[in-house]
Amino acid sequence: MRYGAVILAATLAMTVSCSYFKKKEGAGPPPVIRYMNLKAVYNSVLNKNRDAVDVKKKLDAKLTRMREVERELGEPATDHVALLDEYRQLAVELSDLKGRSKYYKAKIVNQIDRAVKNVAKTAKADFIYNLGDELIYAKKEYDVTEDIIREIVRLDERRSPEAR
């Protein structure tokens, strides 16, 4: 039921925005609309950053261990003192890893934002939608995901010490 409401809302929003931009007498050309797969772009950038991947793996491992410790604490025949010490240590380590993960996420989002703006300018796009729940259909020819990934690589190469 909720998913249907989201689709209905997205369809309504696209219809309203398209009808708003109907060609009027003397009006300019219709808007240029493109889309991208934000998840694919994010994962591409994330996987190229070894430190961010390392933090993600450590965070996942610590979260898994914390769940195991919580489960073991619920069992009566376990050494609760040792488990509580381990739980506290895991909580401290998780806090540090979450902070580092947040830093890398913000850095990646900034890279993507800059690349999207550059690709939008190059493609003369008025709108770039994220492929997902809010996009119902799009032709592949309007997908700028690969362009954005290439732009991120280009921006990274320009910032590298070798380029200076």
C-alpha atoms as a PDB file:
ATOM      1  CA  MET A   1       0.000   0.000   0.000  1.00  0.00           C
ATOM      2  CA  ARG A   2       2.770   2.465   0.968  1.00  0.00           C
ATOM      3  CA  TYR A   3       4.818   1.600  -2.124  1.00  0.00           C
ATOM      4  CA  GLY A   4       1.804   2.327  -4.310  1.00  0.00           C
ATOM      5  CA  ALA A   5       1.458   5.743  -2.678  1.00  0.00           C
ATOM      6  CA  VAL A   6       5.115   6.510  -3.418  1.00  0.00           C
ATOM      7  CA  ILE A   7       4.688   5.548  -7.075  1.00  0.00           C
ATOM      8  CA  LEU A   8       1.508   7.600  -7.303  1.00  0.00           C
ATOM      9  CA  ALA A   9       3.223  10.623  -5.750  1.00  0.00           C
ATOM     10  CA  ALA A  10       6.224  10.282  -8.084  1.00  0.00           C
ATOM     11  CA  THR A  11       3.972   9.968 -11.130  1.00  0.00           C
ATOM     12  CA  LEU A  12       1.974  12.989 -10.056  1.00  0.00           C
ATOM     13  CA  ALA A  13       5.136  15.044  -9.453  1.00  0.00           C
ATOM     14  CA  MET A  14       6.560  14.139 -12.863  1.00  0.00           C
ATOM     15  CA  THR A  15       3.245  14.886 -14.582  1.00  0.00           C
ATOM     16  CA  VAL A  16       2.955  18.264 -12.877  1.00  0.00           C
ATOM     17  CA  SER A  17       6.575  19.171 -13.635  1.00  0.00           C
ATOM     18  CA  CYS A  18       6.184  18.097 -17.282  1.00  0.00           C
ATOM     19  CA  SER A  19       2.933  20.012 -17.688  1.00  0.00           C
ATOM     20  CA  TYR A  20       4.561  23.056 -16.117  1.00  0.00           C
ATOM     21  CA  PHE A  21       7.251  22.992 -18.777  1.00  0.00           C
ATOM     22  CA  LYS A  22       4.887  22.574 -21.725  1.00  0.00           C
ATOM     23  CA  LYS A  23       6.025  24.508 -24.718  1.00  0.00           C
ATOM     24  CA  LYS A  24       4.433  27.908 -24.657  1.00  0.00           C
ATOM     25  CA  GLU A  25       4.345  30.517 -27.362  1.00  0.00           C
ATOM     26  CA  GLY A  26       7.758  32.110 -27.503  1.00  0.00           C
ATOM     27  CA  ALA A  27       9.144  29.791 -24.817  1.00  0.00           C
ATOM     28  CA  GLY A  28      12.579  28.266 -25.139  1.00  0.00           C
ATOM     29  CA  PRO A  29      13.381  24.625 -25.776  1.00  0.00           C
ATOM     30  CA  PRO A  30      11.977  21.932 -23.484  1.00  0.00           C
ATOM     31  CA  PRO A  31      14.048  21.071 -20.424  1.00  0.00           C
ATOM     32  CA  VAL A  32      16.831  18.513 -20.679  1.00  0.00           C
ATOM     33  CA  ILE A  33      16.267  15.672 -18.228  1.00  0.00           C
ATOM     34  CA  ARG A  34      18.831  12.999 -17.369  1.00  0.00           C
ATOM     35  CA  TYR A  35      19.084  10.353 -14.671  1.00  0.00           C
ATOM     36  CA  MET A  36      21.781   8.528 -12.761  1.00  0.00           C
ATOM     37  CA  ASN A  37      22.138   5.556 -10.437  1.00  0.00           C
ATOM     38  CA  LEU A  38      23.407   7.186  -7.244  1.00  0.00           C
ATOM     39  CA  LYS A  39      23.963   3.852  -5.520  1.00  0.00           C
ATOM     40  CA  ALA A  40      26.224   2.644  -8.360  1.00  0.00           C
ATOM     41  CA  VAL A  41      28.178   5.912  -8.338  1.00  0.00           C
ATOM     42  CA  TYR A  42      28.557   5.853  -4.541  1.00  0.00           C
ATOM     43  CA  ASN A  43      29.726   2.227  -4.537  1.00  0.00           C
ATOM     44  CA  SER A  44      32.161   2.937  -7.364  1.00  0.00           C
ATOM     45  CA  VAL A  45      33.758   5.812  -5.457  1.00  0.00           C
ATOM     46  CA  LEU A  46      33.694   3.914  -2.157  1.00  0.00           C
ATOM     47  CA  ASN A  47      35.412   0.856  -3.637  1.00  0.00           C
ATOM     48  CA  LYS A  48      38.247   3.005  -5.018  1.00  0.00           C
ATOM     49  CA  ASN A  49      39.028   4.408  -1.571  1.00  0.00           C
ATOM     50  CA  ARG A  50      40.944   1.701   0.306  1.00  0.00           C
ATOM     51  CA  ASP A  51      40.714   3.471   3.654  1.00  0.00           C
ATOM     52  CA  ALA A  52      36.941   3.837   3.375  1.00  0.00           C
ATOM     53  CA  VAL A  53      36.561   0.171   2.364  1.00  0.00           C
ATOM     54  CA  ASP A  54      38.760  -0.854   5.299  1.00  0.00           C
ATOM     55  CA  VAL A  55      36.662   1.200   7.728  1.00  0.00           C
ATOM     56  CA  LYS A  56      33.457  -0.309   6.303  1.00  0.00           C
ATOM     57  CA  LYS A  57      34.782  -3.874   6.693  1.00  0.00           C
ATOM     58  CA  LYS A  58      35.943  -3.223  10.265  1.00  0.00           C
ATOM     59  CA  LEU A  59      32.622  -1.583  11.116  1.00  0.00           C
ATOM     60  CA  ASP A  60      30.665  -4.551   9.743  1.00  0.00           C
ATOM     61  CA  ALA A  61      32.865  -7.004  11.655  1.00  0.00           C
ATOM     62  CA  LYS A  62      32.500  -5.080  14.938  1.00  0.00           C
ATOM     63  CA  LEU A  63      28.720  -4.822  14.511  1.00  0.00           C
ATOM     64  CA  THR A  64      28.514  -8.567  13.894  1.00  0.00           C
ATOM     65  CA  ARG A  65      30.625  -9.302  16.979  1.00  0.00           C
ATOM     66  CA  MET A  66      28.542  -6.895  19.077  1.00  0.00           C
ATOM     67  CA  ARG A  67      25.352  -8.750  18.103  1.00  0.00           C
ATOM     68  CA  GLU A  68      27.014 -12.042  19.064  1.00  0.00           C
ATOM     69  CA  VAL A  69      28.055 -10.629  22.453  1.00  0.00           C
ATOM     70  CA  GLU A  70      24.530  -9.326  23.052  1.00  0.00           C
ATOM     71  CA  ARG A  71      23.157 -12.779  22.256  1.00  0.00           C
ATOM     72  CA  GLU A  72      25.692 -14.451  24.564  1.00  0.00           C
ATOM     73  CA  LEU A  73      24.835 -12.033  27.381  1.00  0.00           C
ATOM     74  CA  GLY A  74      21.272 -13.345  27.235  1.00  0.00           C
ATOM     75  CA  GLU A  75      22.446 -16.895  27.960  1.00  0.00           C
ATOM     76  CA  PRO A  76      22.654 -17.840  31.659  1.00  0.00           C
ATOM     77  CA  ALA A  77      25.762 -20.063  31.457  1.00  0.00           C
ATOM     78  CA  THR A  78      28.233 -17.449  30.201  1.00  0.00           C
ATOM     79  CA  ASP A  79      30.914 -15.296  31.805  1.00  0.00           C
ATOM     80  CA  HIS A  80      29.034 -12.011  31.944  1.00  0.00           C
ATOM     81  CA  VAL A  81      31.939  -9.987  33.352  1.00  0.00           C
ATOM     82  CA  ALA A  82      34.240 -10.781  30.419  1.00  0.00           C
ATOM     83  CA  LEU A  83      31.429 -10.275  27.928  1.00  0.00           C
ATOM     84  CA  LEU A  84      30.501  -6.899  29.431  1.00  0.00           C
ATOM     85  CA  ASP A  85      34.142  -5.786  29.190  1.00  0.00           C
ATOM     86  CA  GLU A  86      34.261  -6.886  25.559  1.00  0.00           C
ATOM     87  CA  TYR A  87      30.914  -5.171  24.902  1.00  0.00           C
ATOM     88  CA  ARG A  88      32.200  -1.869  26.323  1.00  0.00           C
ATOM     89  CA  GLN A  89      35.389  -2.136  24.263  1.00  0.00           C
ATOM     90  CA  LEU A  90      33.368  -2.858  21.121  1.00  0.00           C
ATOM     91  CA  ALA A  91      31.140   0.162  21.811  1.00  0.00           C
ATOM     92  CA  VAL A  92      34.194   2.447  21.981  1.00  0.00           C
ATOM     93  CA  GLU A  93      35.663   0.978  18.797  1.00  0.00           C
ATOM     94  CA  LEU A  94      32.298   1.241  17.020  1.00  0.00           C
ATOM     95  CA  SER A  95      31.984   4.891  17.965  1.00  0.00           C
ATOM     96  CA  ASP A  96      35.399   5.624  16.448  1.00  0.00           C
ATOM     97  CA  LEU A  97      34.655   3.628  13.297  1.00  0.00           C
ATOM     98  CA  LYS A  98      31.264   5.316  12.848  1.00  0.00           C
ATOM     99  CA  GLY A  99      32.947   8.721  13.039  1.00  0.00           C
ATOM    100  CA  ARG A 100      35.518   7.713  10.415  1.00  0.00           C
ATOM    101  CA  SER A 101      32.777   6.196   8.257  1.00  0.00           C
ATOM    102  CA  LYS A 102      30.785   9.437   8.454  1.00  0.00           C
ATOM    103  CA  TYR A 103      33.891  11.382   7.364  1.00  0.00           C
ATOM    104  CA  TYR A 104      34.397   9.181   4.282  1.00  0.00           C
ATOM    105  CA  LYS A 105      30.697   9.288   3.419  1.00  0.00           C
ATOM    106  CA  ALA A 106      30.711  13.108   3.496  1.00  0.00           C
ATOM    107  CA  LYS A 107      33.856  13.180   1.366  1.00  0.00           C
ATOM    108  CA  ILE A 108      32.292  10.828  -1.206  1.00  0.00           C
ATOM    109  CA  VAL A 109      29.022  12.776  -1.282  1.00  0.00           C
ATOM    110  CA  ASN A 110      30.961  15.998  -1.940  1.00  0.00           C
ATOM    111  CA  GLN A 111      32.827  14.335  -4.809  1.00  0.00           C
ATOM    112  CA  ILE A 112      29.581  13.071  -6.316  1.00  0.00           C
ATOM    113  CA  ASP A 113      27.909  16.465  -5.937  1.00  0.00           C
ATOM    114  CA  ARG A 114      30.755  18.225  -7.741  1.00  0.00           C
ATOM    115  CA  ALA A 115      30.791  15.592 -10.517  1.00  0.00           C
ATOM    116  CA  VAL A 116      27.004  15.764 -10.986  1.00  0.00           C
ATOM    117  CA  LYS A 117      27.161  19.541 -11.352  1.00  0.00           C
ATOM    118  CA  ASN A 118      29.986  19.274 -13.910  1.00  0.00           C
ATOM    119  CA  VAL A 119      28.157  16.585 -15.917  1.00  0.00           C
ATOM    120  CA  ALA A 120      24.909  18.570 -15.774  1.00  0.00           C
ATOM    121  CA  LYS A 121      26.728  21.592 -17.161  1.00  0.00           C
ATOM    122  CA  THR A 122      28.409  19.519 -19.904  1.00  0.00           C
ATOM    123  CA  ALA A 123      25.162  17.751 -20.859  1.00  0.00           C
ATOM    124  CA  LYS A 124      23.235  21.032 -20.550  1.00  0.00           C
ATOM    125  CA  ALA A 125      20.816  19.158 -18.292  1.00  0.00           C
ATOM    126  CA  ASP A 126      18.116  21.019 -16.435  1.00  0.00           C
ATOM    127  CA  PHE A 127      17.336  18.042 -14.196  1.00  0.00           C
ATOM    128  CA  ILE A 128      19.228  14.917 -13.131  1.00  0.00           C
ATOM    129  CA  TYR A 129      17.116  12.386 -11.281  1.00  0.00           C
ATOM    130  CA  ASN A 130      18.357   9.532  -9.144  1.00  0.00           C
ATOM    131  CA  LEU A 131      17.355   6.151 -10.517  1.00  0.00           C
ATOM    132  CA  GLY A 132      15.217   4.554  -7.856  1.00  0.00           C
ATOM    133  CA  ASP A 133      11.767   4.795  -6.324  1.00  0.00           C
ATOM    134  CA  GLU A 134      11.114   8.241  -7.714  1.00  0.00           C
ATOM    135  CA  LEU A 135      11.905   7.349 -11.331  1.00  0.00           C
ATOM    136  CA  ILE A 136       9.404   5.134 -13.080  1.00  0.00           C
ATOM    137  CA  TYR A 137      10.886   4.929 -16.562  1.00  0.00           C
ATOM    138  CA  ALA A 138      13.814   6.369 -18.460  1.00  0.00           C
ATOM    139  CA  LYS A 139      15.559   5.568 -21.691  1.00  0.00           C
ATOM    140  CA  LYS A 140      19.106   4.307 -21.275  1.00  0.00           C
ATOM    141  CA  GLU A 141      20.384   7.067 -23.557  1.00  0.00           C
ATOM    142  CA  TYR A 142      19.621   9.612 -20.826  1.00  0.00           C
ATOM    143  CA  ASP A 143      21.592   7.763 -18.128  1.00  0.00           C
ATOM    144  CA  VAL A 144      24.574   9.865 -17.042  1.00  0.00           C
ATOM    145  CA  THR A 145      25.816   7.486 -14.321  1.00  0.00           C
ATOM    146  CA  GLU A 146      28.961   6.517 -16.253  1.00  0.00           C
ATOM    147  CA  ASP A 147      29.642  10.158 -17.117  1.00  0.00           C
ATOM    148  CA  ILE A 148      29.520  11.033 -13.430  1.00  0.00           C
ATOM    149  CA  ILE A 149      31.867   8.186 -12.494  1.00  0.00           C
ATOM    150  CA  ARG A 150      34.303   9.321 -15.235  1.00  0.00           C
ATOM    151  CA  GLU A 151      34.055  12.899 -13.967  1.00  0.00           C
ATOM    152  CA  ILE A 152      34.902  11.774 -10.416  1.00  0.00           C
ATOM    153  CA  VAL A 153      37.963   9.920 -11.764  1.00  0.00           C
ATOM    154  CA  ARG A 154      38.944  13.028 -13.768  1.00  0.00           C
ATOM    155  CA  LEU A 155      38.582  15.259 -10.696  1.00  0.00           C
ATOM    156  CA  ASP A 156      40.622  12.805  -8.599  1.00  0.00           C
ATOM    157  CA  GLU A 157      43.378  12.768 -11.239  1.00  0.00           C
ATOM    158  CA  ARG A 158      43.489  16.570 -11.252  1.00  0.00           C
ATOM    159  CA  ARG A 159      43.902  16.601  -7.456  1.00  0.00           C
ATOM    160  CA  SER A 160      46.588  13.927  -7.408  1.00  0.00           C
ATOM    161  CA  PRO A 161      50.159  15.019  -6.582  1.00  0.00           C
ATOM    162  CA  GLU A 162      51.374  13.785  -9.986  1.00  0.00           C
ATOM    163  CA  ALA A 163      49.131  16.306 -11.756  1.00  0.00           C
ATOM    164  CA  ARG A 164      50.681  19.252  -9.907  1.00  0.00           C
END
